[in-house]
Amino acid sequence: MSTQEIRFSGFGGQGIIRCALITGKALSLYDDKFATMTQAFGPEARGSACSAQLVVSDERVLYPYITHPGILMALSQEAYDKYYGELPKGGILIVEEELVKLRGEHPDLRLLRVPATRYAEELGNRLFTNLVALGFFTAVTKVVTADAMKKALPGLVPDRFLKINIKAFDKGYEHGLQMMGQKNGGEAS
């Protein structure tokens, strides 16, 4: 049995919960996996810390909470500061390169940086940061297929923004594929 525990984190308003919902839907409905999602956010909602946890497995998930996340996506400094210490040796740390300043070295982690906010702004709106980050996540982790992620978007993003969300996803996915083609195994500065 293969089980993966993932934490998506950032601040309220970045679409962190939606990241987990999209990924869980993609895995469960289109990639023939099992997934459970839990979420946490501060009382202020927008602007406060939030996270969503996803447990993914080839078999039924019996315990829906993460205990040892192998992947952390941190789209804010507060999220990084709070959660990066949970990752085990060999864990994957994905950070928003312009919003997260690393604290020290992470030689035991697979560190990946994505300019998700900048790419979203180039597409016309910072609100697409989460879809850029999800595209990148999909390319570098291989936990879920790009096709499944795109199929999961209808119903979880507004219909009028579906095309631009797919474009944002593709932008992050292409960046992730390019990064993975680097000789150093995808680690980037």
N, C-alpha and C. Protein backbone atom coordinates (compact mmCIF):
# COMPACT_ATOMS: atom_id res chain seq x y z
N MET A 1 0.84 -1.19 0.00
CA MET A 1 0.00 0.00 0.00
C MET A 1 0.88 1.24 0.00
N SER A 2 0.53 2.21 -0.82
CA SER A 2 1.26 3.46 -0.89
C SER A 2 0.39 4.58 -0.31
N THR A 3 0.89 5.23 0.73
CA THR A 3 0.18 6.35 1.34
C THR A 3 1.08 7.57 1.35
N GLN A 4 0.50 8.71 1.04
CA GLN A 4 1.24 9.97 1.02
C GLN A 4 0.47 10.98 1.85
N GLU A 5 1.17 11.72 2.70
CA GLU A 5 0.55 12.77 3.51
C GLU A 5 1.09 14.12 3.05
N ILE A 6 0.16 15.04 2.78
CA ILE A 6 0.50 16.33 2.18
C ILE A 6 -0.13 17.45 3.00
N ARG A 7 0.64 18.51 3.24
CA ARG A 7 0.09 19.70 3.87
C ARG A 7 0.23 20.87 2.90
N PHE A 8 -0.89 21.50 2.59
CA PHE A 8 -0.93 22.74 1.83
C PHE A 8 -1.07 23.85 2.87
N SER A 9 -0.27 24.90 2.80
CA SER A 9 -0.36 25.93 3.82
C SER A 9 -0.06 27.30 3.23
N GLY A 10 -0.59 28.31 3.91
CA GLY A 10 -0.41 29.69 3.49
C GLY A 10 -1.24 30.57 4.38
N PHE A 11 -1.78 31.64 3.82
CA PHE A 11 -2.67 32.49 4.60
C PHE A 11 -4.04 32.52 3.95
N GLY A 12 -5.05 32.80 4.76
CA GLY A 12 -6.42 32.86 4.28
C GLY A 12 -6.54 33.83 3.12
N GLY A 13 -7.20 33.42 2.07
CA GLY A 13 -7.35 34.24 0.88
C GLY A 13 -6.47 33.77 -0.27
N GLN A 14 -5.52 32.86 0.01
CA GLN A 14 -4.65 32.34 -1.05
C GLN A 14 -5.25 31.12 -1.75
N GLY A 15 -6.35 30.60 -1.27
CA GLY A 15 -6.95 29.43 -1.90
C GLY A 15 -6.32 28.12 -1.44
N ILE A 16 -5.81 28.09 -0.23
CA ILE A 16 -5.15 26.90 0.30
C ILE A 16 -6.13 25.74 0.44
N ILE A 17 -7.30 26.00 1.00
CA ILE A 17 -8.30 24.94 1.17
C ILE A 17 -8.72 24.41 -0.20
N ARG A 18 -8.88 25.32 -1.15
CA ARG A 18 -9.26 24.92 -2.51
C ARG A 18 -8.19 24.02 -3.14
N CYS A 19 -6.92 24.28 -2.84
CA CYS A 19 -5.84 23.41 -3.35
C CYS A 19 -6.08 21.96 -2.93
N ALA A 20 -6.37 21.77 -1.67
CA ALA A 20 -6.60 20.41 -1.17
C ALA A 20 -7.88 19.82 -1.74
N LEU A 21 -8.92 20.63 -1.86
CA LEU A 21 -10.18 20.13 -2.44
C LEU A 21 -9.98 19.68 -3.88
N ILE A 22 -9.29 20.48 -4.67
CA ILE A 22 -9.05 20.14 -6.07
C ILE A 22 -8.22 18.87 -6.17
N THR A 23 -7.15 18.81 -5.38
CA THR A 23 -6.26 17.64 -5.43
C THR A 23 -6.99 16.39 -4.96
N GLY A 24 -7.74 16.50 -3.88
CA GLY A 24 -8.50 15.34 -3.39
C GLY A 24 -9.53 14.85 -4.39
N LYS A 25 -10.25 15.79 -5.01
CA LYS A 25 -11.24 15.42 -6.03
C LYS A 25 -10.55 14.75 -7.22
N ALA A 26 -9.43 15.32 -7.65
CA ALA A 26 -8.69 14.76 -8.79
C ALA A 26 -8.25 13.33 -8.50
N LEU A 27 -7.70 13.11 -7.32
CA LEU A 27 -7.22 11.78 -6.94
C LEU A 27 -8.36 10.78 -6.82
N SER A 28 -9.42 11.19 -6.13
CA SER A 28 -10.52 10.27 -5.84
C SER A 28 -11.38 9.95 -7.05
N LEU A 29 -11.66 10.94 -7.88
CA LEU A 29 -12.56 10.72 -9.01
C LEU A 29 -11.87 10.37 -10.31
N TYR A 30 -10.64 10.85 -10.50
CA TYR A 30 -10.02 10.69 -11.81
C TYR A 30 -8.70 9.92 -11.82
N ASP A 31 -8.09 9.70 -10.66
CA ASP A 31 -6.83 8.96 -10.61
C ASP A 31 -6.95 7.66 -9.83
N ASP A 32 -8.17 7.24 -9.51
CA ASP A 32 -8.42 5.95 -8.88
C ASP A 32 -7.65 5.76 -7.57
N LYS A 33 -7.62 6.81 -6.75
CA LYS A 33 -6.98 6.75 -5.43
C LYS A 33 -8.03 7.08 -4.37
N PHE A 34 -7.65 6.93 -3.14
CA PHE A 34 -8.48 7.34 -2.01
C PHE A 34 -7.82 8.56 -1.39
N ALA A 35 -8.63 9.51 -0.93
CA ALA A 35 -8.09 10.72 -0.32
C ALA A 35 -9.06 11.26 0.73
N THR A 36 -8.48 11.78 1.81
CA THR A 36 -9.28 12.49 2.81
C THR A 36 -8.64 13.85 3.02
N MET A 37 -9.46 14.84 3.37
CA MET A 37 -8.96 16.18 3.59
C MET A 37 -9.46 16.73 4.91
N THR A 38 -8.57 17.39 5.64
CA THR A 38 -8.95 18.14 6.84
C THR A 38 -8.37 19.54 6.67
N GLN A 39 -8.90 20.50 7.41
CA GLN A 39 -8.45 21.87 7.25
C GLN A 39 -8.40 22.60 8.59
N ALA A 40 -7.58 23.64 8.64
CA ALA A 40 -7.47 24.48 9.83
C ALA A 40 -7.17 25.90 9.39
N PHE A 41 -7.79 26.86 10.06
CA PHE A 41 -7.52 28.26 9.74
C PHE A 41 -7.80 29.10 10.97
N GLY A 42 -7.18 30.28 11.01
CA GLY A 42 -7.34 31.18 12.14
C GLY A 42 -8.70 31.84 12.13
N PRO A 43 -9.09 32.43 13.26
CA PRO A 43 -10.42 33.04 13.37
C PRO A 43 -10.61 34.26 12.49
N GLU A 44 -9.50 34.86 12.06
CA GLU A 44 -9.62 36.06 11.23
C GLU A 44 -9.98 35.73 9.79
N ALA A 45 -9.85 34.47 9.39
CA ALA A 45 -10.12 33.99 8.03
C ALA A 45 -9.12 34.57 7.04
N ARG A 46 -9.44 35.64 6.39
CA ARG A 46 -8.55 36.19 5.37
C ARG A 46 -7.32 36.84 6.03
N GLY A 47 -6.14 36.40 5.60
CA GLY A 47 -4.91 36.97 6.12
C GLY A 47 -4.27 36.18 7.24
N SER A 48 -5.01 35.33 7.90
CA SER A 48 -4.43 34.53 8.98
C SER A 48 -3.93 33.20 8.43
N ALA A 49 -3.18 32.50 9.23
CA ALA A 49 -2.62 31.22 8.80
C ALA A 49 -3.73 30.20 8.54
N CYS A 50 -3.52 29.39 7.52
CA CYS A 50 -4.44 28.29 7.28
C CYS A 50 -3.67 27.14 6.65
N SER A 51 -4.22 25.95 6.82
CA SER A 51 -3.62 24.78 6.19
C SER A 51 -4.71 23.78 5.89
N ALA A 52 -4.41 22.95 4.93
CA ALA A 52 -5.31 21.85 4.58
C ALA A 52 -4.42 20.62 4.43
N GLN A 53 -4.87 19.53 5.00
CA GLN A 53 -4.09 18.30 5.00
C GLN A 53 -4.79 17.26 4.15
N LEU A 54 -4.01 16.54 3.38
CA LEU A 54 -4.55 15.53 2.49
C LEU A 54 -3.80 14.22 2.72
N VAL A 55 -4.56 13.16 2.95
CA VAL A 55 -3.99 11.82 3.04
C VAL A 55 -4.42 11.10 1.78
N VAL A 56 -3.45 10.57 1.03
CA VAL A 56 -3.70 9.91 -0.25
C VAL A 56 -3.21 8.48 -0.14
N SER A 57 -4.01 7.55 -0.65
CA SER A 57 -3.62 6.14 -0.56
C SER A 57 -4.19 5.34 -1.73
N ASP A 58 -3.55 4.19 -1.97
CA ASP A 58 -4.07 3.24 -2.95
C ASP A 58 -5.23 2.44 -2.38
N GLU A 59 -5.35 2.46 -1.06
CA GLU A 59 -6.42 1.74 -0.36
C GLU A 59 -7.21 2.72 0.48
N ARG A 60 -8.31 2.25 1.07
CA ARG A 60 -9.13 3.13 1.90
C ARG A 60 -8.29 3.78 2.98
N VAL A 61 -8.56 5.04 3.23
CA VAL A 61 -7.87 5.78 4.27
C VAL A 61 -8.62 5.56 5.57
N LEU A 62 -7.95 4.96 6.54
CA LEU A 62 -8.60 4.63 7.80
C LEU A 62 -8.46 5.74 8.84
N TYR A 63 -7.42 6.55 8.72
CA TYR A 63 -7.21 7.65 9.65
C TYR A 63 -7.03 8.92 8.83
N PRO A 64 -7.97 9.87 8.91
CA PRO A 64 -7.97 11.01 7.99
C PRO A 64 -6.99 12.14 8.30
N TYR A 65 -6.27 12.06 9.40
CA TYR A 65 -5.37 13.15 9.77
C TYR A 65 -3.93 12.80 9.45
N ILE A 66 -3.15 13.80 9.06
CA ILE A 66 -1.76 13.53 8.76
C ILE A 66 -0.98 13.37 10.07
N THR A 67 -0.02 12.46 10.04
CA THR A 67 0.86 12.25 11.19
C THR A 67 2.31 12.53 10.83
N HIS A 68 2.70 12.25 9.60
CA HIS A 68 4.06 12.46 9.11
C HIS A 68 4.00 12.97 7.67
N PRO A 69 3.72 14.27 7.48
CA PRO A 69 3.61 14.77 6.11
C PRO A 69 4.93 14.62 5.36
N GLY A 70 4.86 14.09 4.16
CA GLY A 70 6.04 13.94 3.32
C GLY A 70 6.21 15.11 2.36
N ILE A 71 5.13 15.89 2.19
CA ILE A 71 5.17 17.04 1.28
C ILE A 71 4.55 18.23 2.00
N LEU A 72 5.23 19.35 1.93
CA LEU A 72 4.70 20.61 2.46
C LEU A 72 4.77 21.65 1.36
N MET A 73 3.63 22.25 1.05
CA MET A 73 3.60 23.41 0.17
C MET A 73 3.30 24.61 1.05
N ALA A 74 4.26 25.54 1.16
CA ALA A 74 4.11 26.73 2.00
C ALA A 74 4.10 27.97 1.11
N LEU A 75 2.96 28.65 1.07
CA LEU A 75 2.83 29.83 0.22
C LEU A 75 2.95 31.13 1.01
N SER A 76 3.26 31.03 2.31
CA SER A 76 3.48 32.23 3.12
C SER A 76 4.59 31.96 4.12
N GLN A 77 5.17 33.05 4.62
CA GLN A 77 6.25 32.92 5.60
C GLN A 77 5.77 32.25 6.88
N GLU A 78 4.61 32.67 7.36
CA GLU A 78 4.07 32.09 8.59
C GLU A 78 3.84 30.58 8.45
N ALA A 79 3.35 30.17 7.31
CA ALA A 79 3.10 28.74 7.08
C ALA A 79 4.42 27.97 7.06
N TYR A 80 5.41 28.51 6.38
CA TYR A 80 6.72 27.87 6.34
C TYR A 80 7.30 27.75 7.75
N ASP A 81 7.30 28.87 8.48
CA ASP A 81 7.86 28.87 9.84
C ASP A 81 7.17 27.85 10.74
N LYS A 82 5.88 27.73 10.58
CA LYS A 82 5.10 26.85 11.45
C LYS A 82 5.25 25.37 11.10
N TYR A 83 5.39 25.03 9.82
CA TYR A 83 5.27 23.63 9.43
C TYR A 83 6.53 22.95 8.87
N TYR A 84 7.55 23.70 8.45
CA TYR A 84 8.65 23.00 7.78
C TYR A 84 9.36 22.00 8.69
N GLY A 85 9.34 22.22 9.99
CA GLY A 85 9.98 21.30 10.92
C GLY A 85 9.34 19.92 10.99
N GLU A 86 8.13 19.79 10.46
CA GLU A 86 7.43 18.49 10.45
C GLU A 86 7.99 17.52 9.42
N LEU A 87 8.65 18.06 8.40
CA LEU A 87 9.07 17.21 7.29
C LEU A 87 10.22 16.27 7.69
N PRO A 88 10.12 15.01 7.30
CA PRO A 88 11.20 14.07 7.59
C PRO A 88 12.33 14.21 6.57
N LYS A 89 13.45 13.58 6.83
CA LYS A 89 14.54 13.54 5.84
C LYS A 89 13.97 13.04 4.52
N GLY A 90 14.35 13.69 3.45
CA GLY A 90 13.86 13.30 2.13
C GLY A 90 12.50 13.88 1.79
N GLY A 91 11.88 14.62 2.71
CA GLY A 91 10.59 15.23 2.44
C GLY A 91 10.70 16.30 1.38
N ILE A 92 9.57 16.64 0.79
CA ILE A 92 9.52 17.65 -0.27
C ILE A 92 8.98 18.95 0.31
N LEU A 93 9.74 20.02 0.16
CA LEU A 93 9.34 21.34 0.62
C LEU A 93 9.18 22.24 -0.59
N ILE A 94 7.96 22.67 -0.86
CA ILE A 94 7.66 23.58 -1.97
C ILE A 94 7.31 24.93 -1.35
N VAL A 95 8.05 25.97 -1.74
CA VAL A 95 7.79 27.30 -1.19
C VAL A 95 7.55 28.31 -2.31
N GLU A 96 6.75 29.32 -1.99
CA GLU A 96 6.55 30.44 -2.89
C GLU A 96 7.81 31.28 -2.78
N GLU A 97 8.59 31.35 -3.85
CA GLU A 97 9.94 31.91 -3.75
C GLU A 97 10.00 33.38 -3.39
N GLU A 98 8.96 34.13 -3.68
CA GLU A 98 9.00 35.56 -3.39
C GLU A 98 8.37 35.92 -2.05
N LEU A 99 7.64 35.00 -1.45
CA LEU A 99 6.97 35.28 -0.17
C LEU A 99 7.59 34.56 1.01
N VAL A 100 8.45 33.58 0.75
CA VAL A 100 9.01 32.77 1.83
C VAL A 100 10.53 32.91 1.86
N LYS A 101 11.02 33.37 3.00
CA LYS A 101 12.47 33.45 3.23
C LYS A 101 12.85 32.23 4.07
N LEU A 102 13.76 31.42 3.54
CA LEU A 102 14.16 30.21 4.23
C LEU A 102 14.96 30.52 5.48
N ARG A 103 14.75 29.70 6.50
CA ARG A 103 15.48 29.82 7.76
C ARG A 103 16.55 28.74 7.77
N GLY A 104 17.74 29.11 7.41
CA GLY A 104 18.83 28.15 7.41
C GLY A 104 18.80 27.26 6.18
N GLU A 105 19.66 26.25 6.22
CA GLU A 105 19.78 25.30 5.12
C GLU A 105 18.82 24.13 5.35
N HIS A 106 18.46 23.45 4.27
CA HIS A 106 17.59 22.28 4.35
C HIS A 106 18.20 21.14 3.53
N PRO A 107 19.40 20.68 3.93
CA PRO A 107 20.09 19.67 3.12
C PRO A 107 19.38 18.32 3.07
N ASP A 108 18.55 18.05 4.07
CA ASP A 108 17.87 16.75 4.12
C ASP A 108 16.52 16.76 3.41
N LEU A 109 16.14 17.91 2.85
CA LEU A 109 14.85 18.04 2.18
C LEU A 109 15.05 18.30 0.70
N ARG A 110 14.06 17.92 -0.07
CA ARG A 110 14.04 18.27 -1.49
C ARG A 110 13.33 19.61 -1.58
N LEU A 111 14.10 20.67 -1.73
CA LEU A 111 13.59 22.03 -1.73
C LEU A 111 13.28 22.49 -3.14
N LEU A 112 12.06 22.97 -3.34
CA LEU A 112 11.61 23.45 -4.64
C LEU A 112 10.94 24.81 -4.46
N ARG A 113 11.32 25.76 -5.29
CA ARG A 113 10.76 27.11 -5.19
C ARG A 113 10.00 27.44 -6.46
N VAL A 114 8.86 28.08 -6.28
CA VAL A 114 8.03 28.46 -7.42
C VAL A 114 7.63 29.93 -7.30
N PRO A 115 7.76 30.70 -8.37
CA PRO A 115 7.32 32.10 -8.37
C PRO A 115 5.82 32.20 -8.68
N ALA A 116 5.02 31.53 -7.90
CA ALA A 116 3.59 31.40 -8.18
C ALA A 116 2.87 32.75 -8.20
N THR A 117 3.19 33.62 -7.26
CA THR A 117 2.52 34.92 -7.22
C THR A 117 2.88 35.76 -8.44
N ARG A 118 4.15 35.76 -8.81
CA ARG A 118 4.57 36.54 -9.98
C ARG A 118 3.89 36.02 -11.24
N TYR A 119 3.86 34.70 -11.41
CA TYR A 119 3.19 34.13 -12.58
C TYR A 119 1.71 34.47 -12.59
N ALA A 120 1.08 34.41 -11.42
CA ALA A 120 -0.35 34.75 -11.34
C ALA A 120 -0.58 36.21 -11.72
N GLU A 121 0.30 37.09 -11.24
CA GLU A 121 0.18 38.51 -11.60
C GLU A 121 0.36 38.71 -13.10
N GLU A 122 1.27 37.95 -13.71
CA GLU A 122 1.47 38.04 -15.16
C GLU A 122 0.22 37.59 -15.91
N LEU A 123 -0.56 36.70 -15.30
CA LEU A 123 -1.81 36.24 -15.91
C LEU A 123 -2.97 37.19 -15.61
N GLY A 124 -2.72 38.20 -14.79
CA GLY A 124 -3.74 39.21 -14.56
C GLY A 124 -4.29 39.33 -13.16
N ASN A 125 -3.99 38.36 -12.26
CA ASN A 125 -4.57 38.46 -10.93
C ASN A 125 -3.85 37.52 -9.95
N ARG A 126 -3.50 38.04 -8.78
CA ARG A 126 -2.85 37.22 -7.75
C ARG A 126 -3.73 36.06 -7.29
N LEU A 127 -5.02 36.15 -7.53
CA LEU A 127 -5.93 35.09 -7.10
C LEU A 127 -5.62 33.74 -7.76
N PHE A 128 -4.86 33.76 -8.82
CA PHE A 128 -4.52 32.52 -9.51
C PHE A 128 -3.25 31.86 -8.97
N THR A 129 -2.68 32.45 -7.91
CA THR A 129 -1.46 31.91 -7.31
C THR A 129 -1.62 30.44 -6.94
N ASN A 130 -2.76 30.09 -6.36
CA ASN A 130 -2.95 28.70 -5.92
C ASN A 130 -2.96 27.73 -7.10
N LEU A 131 -3.51 28.13 -8.24
CA LEU A 131 -3.53 27.22 -9.39
C LEU A 131 -2.15 27.10 -10.02
N VAL A 132 -1.37 28.18 -10.02
CA VAL A 132 0.01 28.09 -10.49
C VAL A 132 0.77 27.12 -9.58
N ALA A 133 0.61 27.29 -8.27
CA ALA A 133 1.29 26.42 -7.31
C ALA A 133 0.84 24.97 -7.46
N LEU A 134 -0.45 24.74 -7.72
CA LEU A 134 -0.93 23.37 -7.91
C LEU A 134 -0.36 22.73 -9.17
N GLY A 135 -0.23 23.51 -10.22
CA GLY A 135 0.39 22.98 -11.43
C GLY A 135 1.82 22.57 -11.16
N PHE A 136 2.55 23.41 -10.45
CA PHE A 136 3.93 23.12 -10.09
C PHE A 136 3.99 21.86 -9.21
N PHE A 137 3.15 21.82 -8.19
CA PHE A 137 3.06 20.67 -7.28
C PHE A 137 2.83 19.38 -8.08
N THR A 138 1.94 19.43 -9.04
CA THR A 138 1.61 18.25 -9.86
C THR A 138 2.82 17.78 -10.64
N ALA A 139 3.55 18.72 -11.24
CA ALA A 139 4.71 18.36 -12.06
C ALA A 139 5.85 17.79 -11.23
N VAL A 140 6.09 18.35 -10.05
CA VAL A 140 7.29 17.95 -9.30
C VAL A 140 7.07 16.77 -8.36
N THR A 141 5.83 16.52 -7.95
CA THR A 141 5.60 15.42 -7.01
C THR A 141 5.11 14.15 -7.67
N LYS A 142 4.41 14.27 -8.78
CA LYS A 142 3.82 13.12 -9.49
C LYS A 142 2.81 12.36 -8.61
N VAL A 143 2.26 13.02 -7.59
CA VAL A 143 1.26 12.40 -6.72
C VAL A 143 -0.06 12.23 -7.47
N VAL A 144 -0.33 13.17 -8.37
CA VAL A 144 -1.59 13.22 -9.12
C VAL A 144 -1.25 13.60 -10.56
N THR A 145 -2.09 13.19 -11.49
CA THR A 145 -1.83 13.52 -12.89
C THR A 145 -2.40 14.89 -13.25
N ALA A 146 -1.78 15.53 -14.21
CA ALA A 146 -2.25 16.84 -14.67
C ALA A 146 -3.65 16.73 -15.26
N ASP A 147 -3.92 15.66 -15.97
CA ASP A 147 -5.24 15.47 -16.57
C ASP A 147 -6.32 15.40 -15.49
N ALA A 148 -6.05 14.66 -14.42
CA ALA A 148 -7.02 14.54 -13.33
C ALA A 148 -7.25 15.89 -12.66
N MET A 149 -6.19 16.66 -12.47
CA MET A 149 -6.32 17.97 -11.83
C MET A 149 -7.20 18.90 -12.67
N LYS A 150 -7.00 18.90 -13.98
CA LYS A 150 -7.81 19.76 -14.85
C LYS A 150 -9.27 19.32 -14.86
N LYS A 151 -9.49 18.01 -14.83
CA LYS A 151 -10.87 17.50 -14.79
C LYS A 151 -11.56 17.87 -13.48
N ALA A 152 -10.80 18.05 -12.41
CA ALA A 152 -11.37 18.35 -11.10
C ALA A 152 -11.76 19.81 -10.94
N LEU A 153 -11.28 20.69 -11.80
CA LEU A 153 -11.53 22.12 -11.64
C LEU A 153 -13.00 22.54 -11.76
N PRO A 154 -13.76 22.04 -12.74
CA PRO A 154 -15.16 22.46 -12.82
C PRO A 154 -15.91 22.15 -11.53
N GLY A 155 -16.62 23.14 -11.05
CA GLY A 155 -17.36 23.00 -9.80
C GLY A 155 -16.56 23.48 -8.59
N LEU A 156 -15.24 23.56 -8.73
CA LEU A 156 -14.41 24.04 -7.62
C LEU A 156 -13.79 25.41 -7.91
N VAL A 157 -13.88 25.86 -9.14
CA VAL A 157 -13.51 27.23 -9.49
C VAL A 157 -14.71 27.81 -10.24
N PRO A 158 -14.92 29.12 -10.15
CA PRO A 158 -16.06 29.72 -10.86
C PRO A 158 -15.98 29.45 -12.36
N ASP A 159 -17.10 29.11 -12.95
CA ASP A 159 -17.16 28.79 -14.39
C ASP A 159 -16.54 29.89 -15.25
N ARG A 160 -16.79 31.14 -14.90
CA ARG A 160 -16.28 32.24 -15.74
C ARG A 160 -14.76 32.36 -15.68
N PHE A 161 -14.13 31.72 -14.69
CA PHE A 161 -12.67 31.77 -14.56
C PHE A 161 -12.01 30.43 -14.86
N LEU A 162 -12.76 29.46 -15.39
CA LEU A 162 -12.22 28.13 -15.62
C LEU A 162 -11.03 28.16 -16.59
N LYS A 163 -11.18 28.85 -17.71
CA LYS A 163 -10.10 28.87 -18.71
C LYS A 163 -8.82 29.50 -18.16
N ILE A 164 -8.95 30.61 -17.43
CA ILE A 164 -7.76 31.26 -16.89
C ILE A 164 -7.15 30.42 -15.77
N ASN A 165 -7.96 29.70 -15.02
CA ASN A 165 -7.42 28.82 -13.99
C ASN A 165 -6.64 27.67 -14.62
N ILE A 166 -7.14 27.14 -15.72
CA ILE A 166 -6.40 26.08 -16.44
C ILE A 166 -5.09 26.64 -16.98
N LYS A 167 -5.13 27.87 -17.49
CA LYS A 167 -3.92 28.51 -17.98
C LYS A 167 -2.91 28.70 -16.84
N ALA A 168 -3.40 29.10 -15.66
CA ALA A 168 -2.52 29.27 -14.50
C ALA A 168 -1.93 27.93 -14.08
N PHE A 169 -2.76 26.89 -14.06
CA PHE A 169 -2.28 25.55 -13.73
C PHE A 169 -1.17 25.14 -14.71
N ASP A 170 -1.44 25.33 -16.01
CA ASP A 170 -0.47 24.96 -17.04
C ASP A 170 0.85 25.72 -16.88
N LYS A 171 0.77 26.99 -16.50
CA LYS A 171 1.98 27.80 -16.30
C LYS A 171 2.84 27.20 -15.18
N GLY A 172 2.22 26.85 -14.07
CA GLY A 172 2.96 26.24 -12.97
C GLY A 172 3.47 24.85 -13.32
N TYR A 173 2.66 24.10 -14.05
CA TYR A 173 3.04 22.74 -14.46
C TYR A 173 4.26 22.79 -15.38
N GLU A 174 4.24 23.68 -16.35
CA GLU A 174 5.37 23.82 -17.28
C GLU A 174 6.64 24.23 -16.53
N HIS A 175 6.50 25.14 -15.57
CA HIS A 175 7.66 25.56 -14.78
C HIS A 175 8.22 24.36 -13.99
N GLY A 176 7.33 23.56 -13.42
CA GLY A 176 7.75 22.37 -12.69
C GLY A 176 8.46 21.36 -13.57
N LEU A 177 7.93 21.15 -14.77
CA LEU A 177 8.57 20.22 -15.70
C LEU A 177 9.96 20.71 -16.10
N GLN A 178 10.08 22.02 -16.34
CA GLN A 178 11.38 22.58 -16.67
C GLN A 178 12.36 22.40 -15.52
N MET A 179 11.89 22.66 -14.31
CA MET A 179 12.75 22.51 -13.14
C MET A 179 13.20 21.07 -12.96
N MET A 180 12.30 20.13 -13.20
CA MET A 180 12.64 18.72 -13.01
C MET A 180 13.64 18.25 -14.07
N GLY A 181 13.75 18.98 -15.16
CA GLY A 181 14.71 18.64 -16.20
C GLY A 181 16.13 19.08 -15.88
N GLN A 182 16.27 19.87 -14.80
CA GLN A 182 17.60 20.34 -14.42
C GLN A 182 18.45 19.18 -13.91
N LYS A 183 19.74 19.30 -14.08
CA LYS A 183 20.67 18.24 -13.68
C LYS A 183 20.66 17.97 -12.20
N ASN A 184 20.37 18.96 -11.37
CA ASN A 184 20.47 18.76 -9.94
C ASN A 184 19.20 18.18 -9.33
N GLY A 185 18.39 17.51 -10.14
CA GLY A 185 17.22 16.80 -9.62
C GLY A 185 16.06 17.68 -9.26
N GLY A 186 16.04 18.91 -9.77
CA GLY A 186 14.88 19.75 -9.53
C GLY A 186 15.08 20.76 -8.43
N GLU A 187 16.17 20.70 -7.68
CA GLU A 187 16.37 21.69 -6.65
C GLU A 187 16.77 22.99 -7.32
N ALA A 188 16.16 24.04 -6.90
CA ALA A 188 16.43 25.33 -7.53
C ALA A 188 16.66 26.38 -6.47
N SER A 189 17.31 27.41 -6.86
CA SER A 189 17.52 28.51 -5.94
C SER A 189 16.42 29.52 -6.04
